[in-house]
Amino acid sequence: MKGYFGQCFTIIIATGVLTACQSRHQVSIQLTIDSQQPVLGAVAFIGAQRDSLSPKQTQGKSVLQFQLKHQGEGTCQVCLYLAEKVICSRAAYVEGGYHLRMRWTGEKFETHQHF
């Protein structure tokens, strides 16, 4: 019985360590869409890394999620493809493990939480 609990404990600890290590090498971005303008696509950039969302993935969504692999310091930018134009956020400072929350108002991007 002790062996079983020891194995379970080891698996739980190992999973936690692996998850913690992974999150320090990723940047997540949550973008809330507060606009009636249809979003035809979206892309987030950090250096050469990018995460794209197709029209099917953005259609009718009020929240878009991006995950980018990144270690160290850098800047990220989000661009939205609208009916007649492409609009991009200003570059935001990020490090691996950061979670960025942004909002598109229909006129501008706002950064709400940056940690």
PDB file of N, CA and C in Angstrom:
ATOM      1  N   MET A   1       0.815  -1.188   0.000  1.00  0.00           N
ATOM      2  CA  MET A   1       0.000   0.000   0.000  1.00  0.00           C
ATOM      3  C   MET A   1       0.866   1.263   0.000  1.00  0.00           C
ATOM      4  N   LYS A   2       1.955   1.231   0.818  1.00  0.00           N
ATOM      5  CA  LYS A   2       2.850   2.383   0.852  1.00  0.00           C
ATOM      6  C   LYS A   2       3.479   2.623  -0.517  1.00  0.00           C
ATOM      7  N   GLY A   3       3.836   1.531  -1.193  1.00  0.00           N
ATOM      8  CA  GLY A   3       4.450   1.650  -2.513  1.00  0.00           C
ATOM      9  C   GLY A   3       3.521   2.315  -3.515  1.00  0.00           C
ATOM     10  N   TYR A   4       2.240   1.988  -3.450  1.00  0.00           N
ATOM     11  CA  TYR A   4       1.248   2.564  -4.358  1.00  0.00           C
ATOM     12  C   TYR A   4       1.127   4.069  -4.133  1.00  0.00           C
ATOM     13  N   PHE A   5       1.015   4.488  -2.872  1.00  0.00           N
ATOM     14  CA  PHE A   5       0.906   5.910  -2.563  1.00  0.00           C
ATOM     15  C   PHE A   5       2.188   6.654  -2.926  1.00  0.00           C
ATOM     16  N   GLY A   6       3.323   6.022  -2.735  1.00  0.00           N
ATOM     17  CA  GLY A   6       4.597   6.626  -3.118  1.00  0.00           C
ATOM     18  C   GLY A   6       4.679   6.854  -4.615  1.00  0.00           C
ATOM     19  N   GLN A   7       4.215   5.880  -5.393  1.00  0.00           N
ATOM     20  CA  GLN A   7       4.218   6.022  -6.852  1.00  0.00           C
ATOM     21  C   GLN A   7       3.266   7.132  -7.289  1.00  0.00           C
ATOM     22  N   CYS A   8       2.084   7.176  -6.694  1.00  0.00           N
ATOM     23  CA  CYS A   8       1.119   8.235  -7.025  1.00  0.00           C
ATOM     24  C   CYS A   8       1.699   9.611  -6.702  1.00  0.00           C
ATOM     25  N   PHE A   9       2.323   9.734  -5.538  1.00  0.00           N
ATOM     26  CA  PHE A   9       2.917  11.002  -5.131  1.00  0.00           C
ATOM     27  C   PHE A   9       4.017  11.417  -6.115  1.00  0.00           C
ATOM     28  N   THR A  10       4.848  10.463  -6.525  1.00  0.00           N
ATOM     29  CA  THR A  10       5.927  10.743  -7.478  1.00  0.00           C
ATOM     30  C   THR A  10       5.364  11.222  -8.806  1.00  0.00           C
ATOM     31  N   ILE A  11       4.312  10.590  -9.285  1.00  0.00           N
ATOM     32  CA  ILE A  11       3.695  10.990 -10.557  1.00  0.00           C
ATOM     33  C   ILE A  11       3.125  12.403 -10.457  1.00  0.00           C
ATOM     34  N   ILE A  12       2.470  12.712  -9.354  1.00  0.00           N
ATOM     35  CA  ILE A  12       1.893  14.047  -9.171  1.00  0.00           C
ATOM     36  C   ILE A  12       2.988  15.108  -9.136  1.00  0.00           C
ATOM     37  N   ILE A  13       4.050  14.862  -8.406  1.00  0.00           N
ATOM     38  CA  ILE A  13       5.169  15.815  -8.324  1.00  0.00           C
ATOM     39  C   ILE A  13       5.825  15.985  -9.692  1.00  0.00           C
ATOM     40  N   ALA A  14       6.079  14.893 -10.394  1.00  0.00           N
ATOM     41  CA  ALA A  14       6.719  14.960 -11.713  1.00  0.00           C
ATOM     42  C   ALA A  14       5.862  15.754 -12.694  1.00  0.00           C
ATOM     43  N   THR A  15       4.560  15.540 -12.671  1.00  0.00           N
ATOM     44  CA  THR A  15       3.656  16.283 -13.551  1.00  0.00           C
ATOM     45  C   THR A  15       3.706  17.770 -13.236  1.00  0.00           C
ATOM     46  N   GLY A  16       3.700  18.127 -11.975  1.00  0.00           N
ATOM     47  CA  GLY A  16       3.776  19.529 -11.575  1.00  0.00           C
ATOM     48  C   GLY A  16       5.066  20.189 -12.012  1.00  0.00           C
ATOM     49  N   VAL A  17       6.173  19.494 -11.865  1.00  0.00           N
ATOM     50  CA  VAL A  17       7.476  20.036 -12.272  1.00  0.00           C
ATOM     51  C   VAL A  17       7.518  20.237 -13.779  1.00  0.00           C
ATOM     52  N   LEU A  18       7.062  19.263 -14.549  1.00  0.00           N
ATOM     53  CA  LEU A  18       7.062  19.386 -16.010  1.00  0.00           C
ATOM     54  C   LEU A  18       6.163  20.522 -16.471  1.00  0.00           C
ATOM     55  N   THR A  19       5.010  20.665 -15.873  1.00  0.00           N
ATOM     56  CA  THR A  19       4.089  21.742 -16.230  1.00  0.00           C
ATOM     57  C   THR A  19       4.698  23.096 -15.901  1.00  0.00           C
ATOM     58  N   ALA A  20       5.319  23.224 -14.758  1.00  0.00           N
ATOM     59  CA  ALA A  20       5.940  24.491 -14.366  1.00  0.00           C
ATOM     60  C   ALA A  20       7.071  24.859 -15.312  1.00  0.00           C
ATOM     61  N   CYS A  21       7.864  23.887 -15.726  1.00  0.00           N
ATOM     62  CA  CYS A  21       8.967  24.157 -16.649  1.00  0.00           C
ATOM     63  C   CYS A  21       8.441  24.588 -18.007  1.00  0.00           C
ATOM     64  N   GLN A  22       7.396  23.942 -18.483  1.00  0.00           N
ATOM     65  CA  GLN A  22       6.831  24.300 -19.774  1.00  0.00           C
ATOM     66  C   GLN A  22       6.292  25.717 -19.761  1.00  0.00           C
ATOM     67  N   SER A  23       5.580  26.114 -18.727  1.00  0.00           N
ATOM     68  CA  SER A  23       4.940  27.417 -18.710  1.00  0.00           C
ATOM     69  C   SER A  23       5.956  28.552 -18.709  1.00  0.00           C
ATOM     70  N   ARG A  24       7.170  28.315 -18.223  1.00  0.00           N
ATOM     71  CA  ARG A  24       8.199  29.353 -18.242  1.00  0.00           C
ATOM     72  C   ARG A  24       8.776  29.553 -19.634  1.00  0.00           C
ATOM     73  N   HIS A  25       8.453  28.666 -20.547  1.00  0.00           N
ATOM     74  CA  HIS A  25       8.953  28.773 -21.914  1.00  0.00           C
ATOM     75  C   HIS A  25       7.827  29.080 -22.891  1.00  0.00           C
ATOM     76  N   GLN A  26       6.715  29.582 -22.375  1.00  0.00           N
ATOM     77  CA  GLN A  26       5.588  29.952 -23.215  1.00  0.00           C
ATOM     78  C   GLN A  26       5.044  31.301 -22.784  1.00  0.00           C
ATOM     79  N   VAL A  27       4.451  31.988 -23.743  1.00  0.00           N
ATOM     80  CA  VAL A  27       3.716  33.215 -23.468  1.00  0.00           C
ATOM     81  C   VAL A  27       2.289  32.967 -23.934  1.00  0.00           C
ATOM     82  N   SER A  28       1.331  33.247 -23.074  1.00  0.00           N
ATOM     83  CA  SER A  28      -0.067  33.109 -23.474  1.00  0.00           C
ATOM     84  C   SER A  28      -0.693  34.495 -23.564  1.00  0.00           C
ATOM     85  N   ILE A  29      -1.550  34.644 -24.559  1.00  0.00           N
ATOM     86  CA  ILE A  29      -2.233  35.914 -24.792  1.00  0.00           C
ATOM     87  C   ILE A  29      -3.725  35.627 -24.882  1.00  0.00           C
ATOM     88  N   GLN A  30      -4.498  36.349 -24.098  1.00  0.00           N
ATOM     89  CA  GLN A  30      -5.953  36.265 -24.171  1.00  0.00           C
ATOM     90  C   GLN A  30      -6.448  37.614 -24.671  1.00  0.00           C
ATOM     91  N   LEU A  31      -7.118  37.614 -25.819  1.00  0.00           N
ATOM     92  CA  LEU A  31      -7.620  38.843 -26.426  1.00  0.00           C
ATOM     93  C   LEU A  31      -9.142  38.820 -26.407  1.00  0.00           C
ATOM     94  N   THR A  32      -9.740  39.786 -25.704  1.00  0.00           N
ATOM     95  CA  THR A  32     -11.195  39.924 -25.659  1.00  0.00           C
ATOM     96  C   THR A  32     -11.616  40.877 -26.770  1.00  0.00           C
ATOM     97  N   ILE A  33     -12.602  40.467 -27.549  1.00  0.00           N
ATOM     98  CA  ILE A  33     -13.113  41.282 -28.652  1.00  0.00           C
ATOM     99  C   ILE A  33     -14.384  41.980 -28.167  1.00  0.00           C
ATOM    100  N   ASP A  34     -14.314  43.300 -27.989  1.00  0.00           N
ATOM    101  CA  ASP A  34     -15.474  44.102 -27.587  1.00  0.00           C
ATOM    102  C   ASP A  34     -15.880  45.003 -28.747  1.00  0.00           C
ATOM    103  N   SER A  35     -16.200  44.383 -29.865  1.00  0.00           N
ATOM    104  CA  SER A  35     -16.550  45.121 -31.068  1.00  0.00           C
ATOM    105  C   SER A  35     -17.501  44.275 -31.901  1.00  0.00           C
ATOM    106  N   GLN A  36     -18.359  44.937 -32.646  1.00  0.00           N
ATOM    107  CA  GLN A  36     -19.281  44.230 -33.535  1.00  0.00           C
ATOM    108  C   GLN A  36     -18.649  43.939 -34.895  1.00  0.00           C
ATOM    109  N   GLN A  37     -17.472  44.518 -35.159  1.00  0.00           N
ATOM    110  CA  GLN A  37     -16.786  44.267 -36.427  1.00  0.00           C
ATOM    111  C   GLN A  37     -16.383  42.803 -36.502  1.00  0.00           C
ATOM    112  N   PRO A  38     -16.687  42.131 -37.615  1.00  0.00           N
ATOM    113  CA  PRO A  38     -16.262  40.733 -37.731  1.00  0.00           C
ATOM    114  C   PRO A  38     -14.741  40.623 -37.865  1.00  0.00           C
ATOM    115  N   VAL A  39     -14.163  39.709 -37.110  1.00  0.00           N
ATOM    116  CA  VAL A  39     -12.725  39.442 -37.182  1.00  0.00           C
ATOM    117  C   VAL A  39     -12.534  38.269 -38.143  1.00  0.00           C
ATOM    118  N   LEU A  40     -11.808  38.510 -39.231  1.00  0.00           N
ATOM    119  CA  LEU A  40     -11.629  37.503 -40.275  1.00  0.00           C
ATOM    120  C   LEU A  40     -10.393  36.640 -40.065  1.00  0.00           C
ATOM    121  N   GLY A  41      -9.604  36.966 -39.082  1.00  0.00           N
ATOM    122  CA  GLY A  41      -8.398  36.212 -38.762  1.00  0.00           C
ATOM    123  C   GLY A  41      -7.581  36.992 -37.756  1.00  0.00           C
ATOM    124  N   ALA A  42      -6.624  36.325 -37.150  1.00  0.00           N
ATOM    125  CA  ALA A  42      -5.788  36.981 -36.145  1.00  0.00           C
ATOM    126  C   ALA A  42      -4.443  36.275 -36.087  1.00  0.00           C
ATOM    127  N   VAL A  43      -3.423  37.033 -35.713  1.00  0.00           N
ATOM    128  CA  VAL A  43      -2.088  36.457 -35.563  1.00  0.00           C
ATOM    129  C   VAL A  43      -1.364  37.176 -34.426  1.00  0.00           C
ATOM    130  N   ALA A  44      -0.596  36.418 -33.659  1.00  0.00           N
ATOM    131  CA  ALA A  44       0.242  36.978 -32.596  1.00  0.00           C
ATOM    132  C   ALA A  44       1.689  36.640 -32.931  1.00  0.00           C
ATOM    133  N   PHE A  45       2.587  37.600 -32.717  1.00  0.00           N
ATOM    134  CA  PHE A  45       4.009  37.433 -33.021  1.00  0.00           C
ATOM    135  C   PHE A  45       4.858  37.688 -31.787  1.00  0.00           C
ATOM    136  N   ILE A  46       5.897  36.889 -31.623  1.00  0.00           N
ATOM    137  CA  ILE A  46       7.009  37.193 -30.722  1.00  0.00           C
ATOM    138  C   ILE A  46       8.250  36.816 -31.515  1.00  0.00           C
ATOM    139  N   GLY A  47       8.976  37.815 -31.976  1.00  0.00           N
ATOM    140  CA  GLY A  47      10.132  37.534 -32.828  1.00  0.00           C
ATOM    141  C   GLY A  47       9.700  36.728 -34.040  1.00  0.00           C
ATOM    142  N   ALA A  48      10.353  35.594 -34.272  1.00  0.00           N
ATOM    143  CA  ALA A  48      10.028  34.741 -35.417  1.00  0.00           C
ATOM    144  C   ALA A  48       8.871  33.782 -35.121  1.00  0.00           C
ATOM    145  N   GLN A  49       8.459  33.684 -33.863  1.00  0.00           N
ATOM    146  CA  GLN A  49       7.351  32.798 -33.491  1.00  0.00           C
ATOM    147  C   GLN A  49       6.021  33.471 -33.814  1.00  0.00           C
ATOM    148  N   ARG A  50       5.059  32.664 -34.295  1.00  0.00           N
ATOM    149  CA  ARG A  50       3.732  33.216 -34.541  1.00  0.00           C
ATOM    150  C   ARG A  50       2.670  32.160 -34.285  1.00  0.00           C
ATOM    151  N   ASP A  51       1.503  32.629 -33.911  1.00  0.00           N
ATOM    152  CA  ASP A  51       0.338  31.771 -33.707  1.00  0.00           C
ATOM    153  C   ASP A  51      -0.811  32.430 -34.450  1.00  0.00           C
ATOM    154  N   SER A  52      -1.335  31.740 -35.461  1.00  0.00           N
ATOM    155  CA  SER A  52      -2.389  32.293 -36.310  1.00  0.00           C
ATOM    156  C   SER A  52      -3.723  31.627 -36.029  1.00  0.00           C
ATOM    157  N   LEU A  53      -4.783  32.406 -36.159  1.00  0.00           N
ATOM    158  CA  LEU A  53      -6.142  31.893 -36.051  1.00  0.00           C
ATOM    159  C   LEU A  53      -6.866  32.194 -37.361  1.00  0.00           C
ATOM    160  N   SER A  54      -7.490  31.192 -37.936  1.00  0.00           N
ATOM    161  CA  SER A  54      -8.188  31.325 -39.214  1.00  0.00           C
ATOM    162  C   SER A  54      -9.554  31.987 -39.013  1.00  0.00           C
ATOM    163  N   PRO A  55     -10.202  32.388 -40.119  1.00  0.00           N
ATOM    164  CA  PRO A  55     -11.552  32.951 -39.993  1.00  0.00           C
ATOM    165  C   PRO A  55     -12.511  32.002 -39.265  1.00  0.00           C
ATOM    166  N   LYS A  56     -12.384  30.714 -39.513  1.00  0.00           N
ATOM    167  CA  LYS A  56     -13.254  29.740 -38.846  1.00  0.00           C
ATOM    168  C   LYS A  56     -13.022  29.750 -37.330  1.00  0.00           C
ATOM    169  N   GLN A  57     -11.772  29.964 -36.907  1.00  0.00           N
ATOM    170  CA  GLN A  57     -11.432  29.975 -35.481  1.00  0.00           C
ATOM    171  C   GLN A  57     -11.815  31.284 -34.788  1.00  0.00           C
ATOM    172  N   THR A  58     -12.004  32.360 -35.555  1.00  0.00           N
ATOM    173  CA  THR A  58     -12.324  33.658 -34.951  1.00  0.00           C
ATOM    174  C   THR A  58     -13.792  34.039 -35.098  1.00  0.00           C
ATOM    175  N   GLN A  59     -14.489  33.438 -36.036  1.00  0.00           N
ATOM    176  CA  GLN A  59     -15.871  33.818 -36.337  1.00  0.00           C
ATOM    177  C   GLN A  59     -16.788  33.677 -35.117  1.00  0.00           C
ATOM    178  N   GLY A  60     -17.399  34.788 -34.737  1.00  0.00           N
ATOM    179  CA  GLY A  60     -18.351  34.782 -33.634  1.00  0.00           C
ATOM    180  C   GLY A  60     -17.740  34.655 -32.248  1.00  0.00           C
ATOM    181  N   LYS A  61     -16.428  34.638 -32.143  1.00  0.00           N
ATOM    182  CA  LYS A  61     -15.761  34.477 -30.844  1.00  0.00           C
ATOM    183  C   LYS A  61     -15.577  35.838 -30.179  1.00  0.00           C
ATOM    184  N   SER A  62     -15.777  35.882 -28.876  1.00  0.00           N
ATOM    185  CA  SER A  62     -15.534  37.117 -28.133  1.00  0.00           C
ATOM    186  C   SER A  62     -14.189  37.076 -27.401  1.00  0.00           C
ATOM    187  N   VAL A  63     -13.572  35.895 -27.333  1.00  0.00           N
ATOM    188  CA  VAL A  63     -12.254  35.753 -26.704  1.00  0.00           C
ATOM    189  C   VAL A  63     -11.379  34.881 -27.599  1.00  0.00           C
ATOM    190  N   LEU A  64     -10.188  35.377 -27.910  1.00  0.00           N
ATOM    191  CA  LEU A  64      -9.215  34.623 -28.707  1.00  0.00           C
ATOM    192  C   LEU A  64      -8.028  34.278 -27.815  1.00  0.00           C
ATOM    193  N   GLN A  65      -7.491  33.075 -27.978  1.00  0.00           N
ATOM    194  CA  GLN A  65      -6.358  32.605 -27.177  1.00  0.00           C
ATOM    195  C   GLN A  65      -5.169  32.321 -28.089  1.00  0.00           C
ATOM    196  N   PHE A  66      -3.992  32.766 -27.679  1.00  0.00           N
ATOM    197  CA  PHE A  66      -2.749  32.494 -28.397  1.00  0.00           C
ATOM    198  C   PHE A  66      -1.750  31.871 -27.428  1.00  0.00           C
ATOM    199  N   GLN A  67      -0.936  30.950 -27.917  1.00  0.00           N
ATOM    200  CA  GLN A  67       0.155  30.338 -27.146  1.00  0.00           C
ATOM    201  C   GLN A  67       1.408  30.384 -28.019  1.00  0.00           C
ATOM    202  N   LEU A  68       2.463  30.978 -27.514  1.00  0.00           N
ATOM    203  CA  LEU A  68       3.718  31.068 -28.252  1.00  0.00           C
ATOM    204  C   LEU A  68       4.865  30.581 -27.388  1.00  0.00           C
ATOM    205  N   LYS A  69       5.742  29.782 -27.974  1.00  0.00           N
ATOM    206  CA  LYS A  69       6.946  29.351 -27.258  1.00  0.00           C
ATOM    207  C   LYS A  69       7.919  30.513 -27.235  1.00  0.00           C
ATOM    208  N   HIS A  70       8.453  30.790 -26.051  1.00  0.00           N
ATOM    209  CA  HIS A  70       9.399  31.898 -25.938  1.00  0.00           C
ATOM    210  C   HIS A  70      10.180  31.779 -24.637  1.00  0.00           C
ATOM    211  N   GLN A  71      11.470  31.957 -24.732  1.00  0.00           N
ATOM    212  CA  GLN A  71      12.342  32.000 -23.558  1.00  0.00           C
ATOM    213  C   GLN A  71      12.987  33.372 -23.505  1.00  0.00           C
ATOM    214  N   GLY A  72      13.220  33.855 -22.326  1.00  0.00           N
ATOM    215  CA  GLY A  72      13.896  35.139 -22.179  1.00  0.00           C
ATOM    216  C   GLY A  72      12.960  36.309 -22.420  1.00  0.00           C
ATOM    217  N   GLU A  73      13.561  37.453 -22.772  1.00  0.00           N
ATOM    218  CA  GLU A  73      12.808  38.687 -22.961  1.00  0.00           C
ATOM    219  C   GLU A  73      12.482  38.897 -24.429  1.00  0.00           C
ATOM    220  N   GLY A  74      11.433  39.662 -24.689  1.00  0.00           N
ATOM    221  CA  GLY A  74      11.066  39.985 -26.059  1.00  0.00           C
ATOM    222  C   GLY A  74       9.849  40.885 -26.084  1.00  0.00           C
ATOM    223  N   THR A  75       9.324  41.091 -27.270  1.00  0.00           N
ATOM    224  CA  THR A  75       8.098  41.862 -27.431  1.00  0.00           C
ATOM    225  C   THR A  75       7.113  41.059 -28.260  1.00  0.00           C
ATOM    226  N   CYS A  76       5.840  41.252 -27.969  1.00  0.00           N
ATOM    227  CA  CYS A  76       4.810  40.567 -28.745  1.00  0.00           C
ATOM    228  C   CYS A  76       3.862  41.598 -29.330  1.00  0.00           C
ATOM    229  N   GLN A  77       3.211  41.183 -30.397  1.00  0.00           N
ATOM    230  CA  GLN A  77       2.264  42.039 -31.085  1.00  0.00           C
ATOM    231  C   GLN A  77       1.132  41.166 -31.601  1.00  0.00           C
ATOM    232  N   VAL A  78      -0.091  41.683 -31.561  1.00  0.00           N
ATOM    233  CA  VAL A  78      -1.263  40.974 -32.065  1.00  0.00           C
ATOM    234  C   VAL A  78      -1.847  41.787 -33.211  1.00  0.00           C
ATOM    235  N   CYS A  79      -2.197  41.102 -34.308  1.00  0.00           N
ATOM    236  CA  CYS A  79      -2.831  41.753 -35.450  1.00  0.00           C
ATOM    237  C   CYS A  79      -4.165  41.081 -35.739  1.00  0.00           C
ATOM    238  N   LEU A  80      -5.164  41.900 -36.045  1.00  0.00           N
ATOM    239  CA  LEU A  80      -6.492  41.406 -36.411  1.00  0.00           C
ATOM    240  C   LEU A  80      -6.761  41.742 -37.870  1.00  0.00           C
ATOM    241  N   TYR A  81      -7.312  40.775 -38.579  1.00  0.00           N
ATOM    242  CA  TYR A  81      -7.722  40.976 -39.962  1.00  0.00           C
ATOM    243  C   TYR A  81      -9.210  41.295 -39.950  1.00  0.00           C
ATOM    244  N   LEU A  82      -9.536  42.545 -40.286  1.00  0.00           N
ATOM    245  CA  LEU A  82     -10.923  42.993 -40.327  1.00  0.00           C
ATOM    246  C   LEU A  82     -11.364  43.068 -41.787  1.00  0.00           C
ATOM    247  N   ALA A  83     -12.608  43.442 -42.037  1.00  0.00           N
ATOM    248  CA  ALA A  83     -13.160  43.434 -43.390  1.00  0.00           C
ATOM    249  C   ALA A  83     -12.336  44.266 -44.373  1.00  0.00           C
ATOM    250  N   GLU A  84     -11.918  45.450 -43.968  1.00  0.00           N
ATOM    251  CA  GLU A  84     -11.236  46.334 -44.912  1.00  0.00           C
ATOM    252  C   GLU A  84      -9.826  46.721 -44.496  1.00  0.00           C
ATOM    253  N   LYS A  85      -9.331  46.168 -43.389  1.00  0.00           N
ATOM    254  CA  LYS A  85      -7.989  46.548 -42.952  1.00  0.00           C
ATOM    255  C   LYS A  85      -7.424  45.525 -41.978  1.00  0.00           C
ATOM    256  N   VAL A  86      -6.124  45.671 -41.753  1.00  0.00           N
ATOM    257  CA  VAL A  86      -5.424  44.889 -40.729  1.00  0.00           C
ATOM    258  C   VAL A  86      -4.988  45.890 -39.671  1.00  0.00           C
ATOM    259  N   ILE A  87      -5.318  45.609 -38.424  1.00  0.00           N
ATOM    260  CA  ILE A  87      -4.957  46.502 -37.322  1.00  0.00           C
ATOM    261  C   ILE A  87      -4.082  45.737 -36.338  1.00  0.00           C
ATOM    262  N   CYS A  88      -2.992  46.362 -35.896  1.00  0.00           N
ATOM    263  CA  CYS A  88      -2.046  45.689 -34.998  1.00  0.00           C
ATOM    264  C   CYS A  88      -1.881  46.474 -33.700  1.00  0.00           C
ATOM    265  N   SER A  89      -1.655  45.736 -32.641  1.00  0.00           N
ATOM    266  CA  SER A  89      -1.392  46.357 -31.339  1.00  0.00           C
ATOM    267  C   SER A  89       0.021  46.916 -31.322  1.00  0.00           C
ATOM    268  N   ARG A  90       0.285  47.743 -30.339  1.00  0.00           N
ATOM    269  CA  ARG A  90       1.666  48.157 -30.107  1.00  0.00           C
ATOM    270  C   ARG A  90       2.409  46.974 -29.511  1.00  0.00           C
ATOM    271  N   ALA A  91       3.707  46.971 -29.655  1.00  0.00           N
ATOM    272  CA  ALA A  91       4.519  45.886 -29.099  1.00  0.00           C
ATOM    273  C   ALA A  91       4.473  45.946 -27.572  1.00  0.00           C
ATOM    274  N   ALA A  92       4.306  44.786 -26.955  1.00  0.00           N
ATOM    275  CA  ALA A  92       4.267  44.690 -25.493  1.00  0.00           C
ATOM    276  C   ALA A  92       5.435  43.829 -25.027  1.00  0.00           C
ATOM    277  N   TYR A  93       6.081  44.235 -23.956  1.00  0.00           N
ATOM    278  CA  TYR A  93       7.204  43.490 -23.386  1.00  0.00           C
ATOM    279  C   TYR A  93       6.695  42.188 -22.780  1.00  0.00           C
ATOM    280  N   VAL A  94       7.393  41.090 -23.066  1.00  0.00           N
ATOM    281  CA  VAL A  94       7.042  39.788 -22.488  1.00  0.00           C
ATOM    282  C   VAL A  94       8.309  39.014 -22.143  1.00  0.00           C
ATOM    283  N   GLU A  95       8.146  38.070 -21.264  1.00  0.00           N
ATOM    284  CA  GLU A  95       9.168  37.074 -20.936  1.00  0.00           C
ATOM    285  C   GLU A  95       8.477  35.727 -20.924  1.00  0.00           C
ATOM    286  N   GLY A  96       9.257  34.668 -21.072  1.00  0.00           N
ATOM    287  CA  GLY A  96       8.692  33.335 -20.984  1.00  0.00           C
ATOM    288  C   GLY A  96       7.933  33.172 -19.680  1.00  0.00           C
ATOM    289  N   GLY A  97       6.731  32.622 -19.746  1.00  0.00           N
ATOM    290  CA  GLY A  97       5.895  32.448 -18.572  1.00  0.00           C
ATOM    291  C   GLY A  97       4.866  33.550 -18.382  1.00  0.00           C
ATOM    292  N   TYR A  98       4.971  34.633 -19.154  1.00  0.00           N
ATOM    293  CA  TYR A  98       4.008  35.728 -19.015  1.00  0.00           C
ATOM    294  C   TYR A  98       2.647  35.328 -19.571  1.00  0.00           C
ATOM    295  N   HIS A  99       1.610  35.909 -18.982  1.00  0.00           N
ATOM    296  CA  HIS A  99       0.232  35.776 -19.454  1.00  0.00           C
ATOM    297  C   HIS A  99      -0.269  37.195 -19.706  1.00  0.00           C
ATOM    298  N   LEU A 100      -0.587  37.482 -20.941  1.00  0.00           N
ATOM    299  CA  LEU A 100      -0.987  38.828 -21.338  1.00  0.00           C
ATOM    300  C   LEU A 100      -2.483  38.838 -21.632  1.00  0.00           C
ATOM    301  N   ARG A 101      -3.195  39.794 -21.055  1.00  0.00           N
ATOM    302  CA  ARG A 101      -4.626  39.959 -21.347  1.00  0.00           C
ATOM    303  C   ARG A 101      -4.814  41.290 -22.054  1.00  0.00           C
ATOM    304  N   MET A 102      -5.420  41.203 -23.234  1.00  0.00           N
ATOM    305  CA  MET A 102      -5.642  42.389 -24.047  1.00  0.00           C
ATOM    306  C   MET A 102      -7.117  42.482 -24.412  1.00  0.00           C
ATOM    307  N   ARG A 103      -7.499  43.663 -24.894  1.00  0.00           N
ATOM    308  CA  ARG A 103      -8.880  43.899 -25.313  1.00  0.00           C
ATOM    309  C   ARG A 103      -8.863  44.737 -26.578  1.00  0.00           C
ATOM    310  N   TRP A 104      -9.692  44.351 -27.551  1.00  0.00           N
ATOM    311  CA  TRP A 104      -9.883  45.138 -28.770  1.00  0.00           C
ATOM    312  C   TRP A 104     -11.246  45.805 -28.645  1.00  0.00           C
ATOM    313  N   THR A 105     -11.281  47.142 -28.636  1.00  0.00           N
ATOM    314  CA  THR A 105     -12.519  47.891 -28.427  1.00  0.00           C
ATOM    315  C   THR A 105     -13.252  48.192 -29.728  1.00  0.00           C
ATOM    316  N   GLY A 106     -12.626  47.921 -30.843  1.00  0.00           N
ATOM    317  CA  GLY A 106     -13.167  48.327 -32.135  1.00  0.00           C
ATOM    318  C   GLY A 106     -12.424  49.535 -32.671  1.00  0.00           C
ATOM    319  N   GLU A 107     -11.715  50.214 -31.768  1.00  0.00           N
ATOM    320  CA  GLU A 107     -10.921  51.376 -32.150  1.00  0.00           C
ATOM    321  C   GLU A 107      -9.460  51.239 -31.753  1.00  0.00           C
ATOM    322  N   LYS A 108      -9.214  50.529 -30.650  1.00  0.00           N
ATOM    323  CA  LYS A 108      -7.837  50.403 -30.171  1.00  0.00           C
ATOM    324  C   LYS A 108      -7.673  49.135 -29.342  1.00  0.00           C
ATOM    325  N   PHE A 109      -6.410  48.758 -29.157  1.00  0.00           N
ATOM    326  CA  PHE A 109      -6.053  47.647 -28.273  1.00  0.00           C
ATOM    327  C   PHE A 109      -5.742  48.218 -26.896  1.00  0.00           C
ATOM    328  N   GLU A 110      -6.157  47.503 -25.869  1.00  0.00           N
ATOM    329  CA  GLU A 110      -5.820  47.869 -24.493  1.00  0.00           C
ATOM    330  C   GLU A 110      -5.186  46.656 -23.827  1.00  0.00           C
ATOM    331  N   THR A 111      -4.140  46.894 -23.050  1.00  0.00           N
ATOM    332  CA  THR A 111      -3.518  45.828 -22.272  1.00  0.00           C
ATOM    333  C   THR A 111      -4.014  45.960 -20.842  1.00  0.00           C
ATOM    334  N   HIS A 112      -4.691  44.913 -20.349  1.00  0.00           N
ATOM    335  CA  HIS A 112      -5.290  44.974 -19.015  1.00  0.00           C
ATOM    336  C   HIS A 112      -4.416  44.339 -17.948  1.00  0.00           C
ATOM    337  N   GLN A 113      -3.891  43.176 -18.225  1.00  0.00           N
ATOM    338  CA  GLN A 113      -3.031  42.507 -17.251  1.00  0.00           C
ATOM    339  C   GLN A 113      -1.802  42.009 -17.980  1.00  0.00           C
ATOM    340  N   HIS A 114      -0.705  42.156 -17.308  1.00  0.00           N
ATOM    341  CA  HIS A 114       0.570  41.805 -17.911  1.00  0.00           C
ATOM    342  C   HIS A 114       1.425  41.203 -16.809  1.00  0.00           C
ATOM    343  N   PHE A 115       1.455  39.881 -16.736  1.00  0.00           N
ATOM    344  CA  PHE A 115       2.208  39.244 -15.658  1.00  0.00           C
ATOM    345  C   PHE A 115       2.840  37.967 -16.133  1.00  0.00           C
TER     346      PHE A 115
END
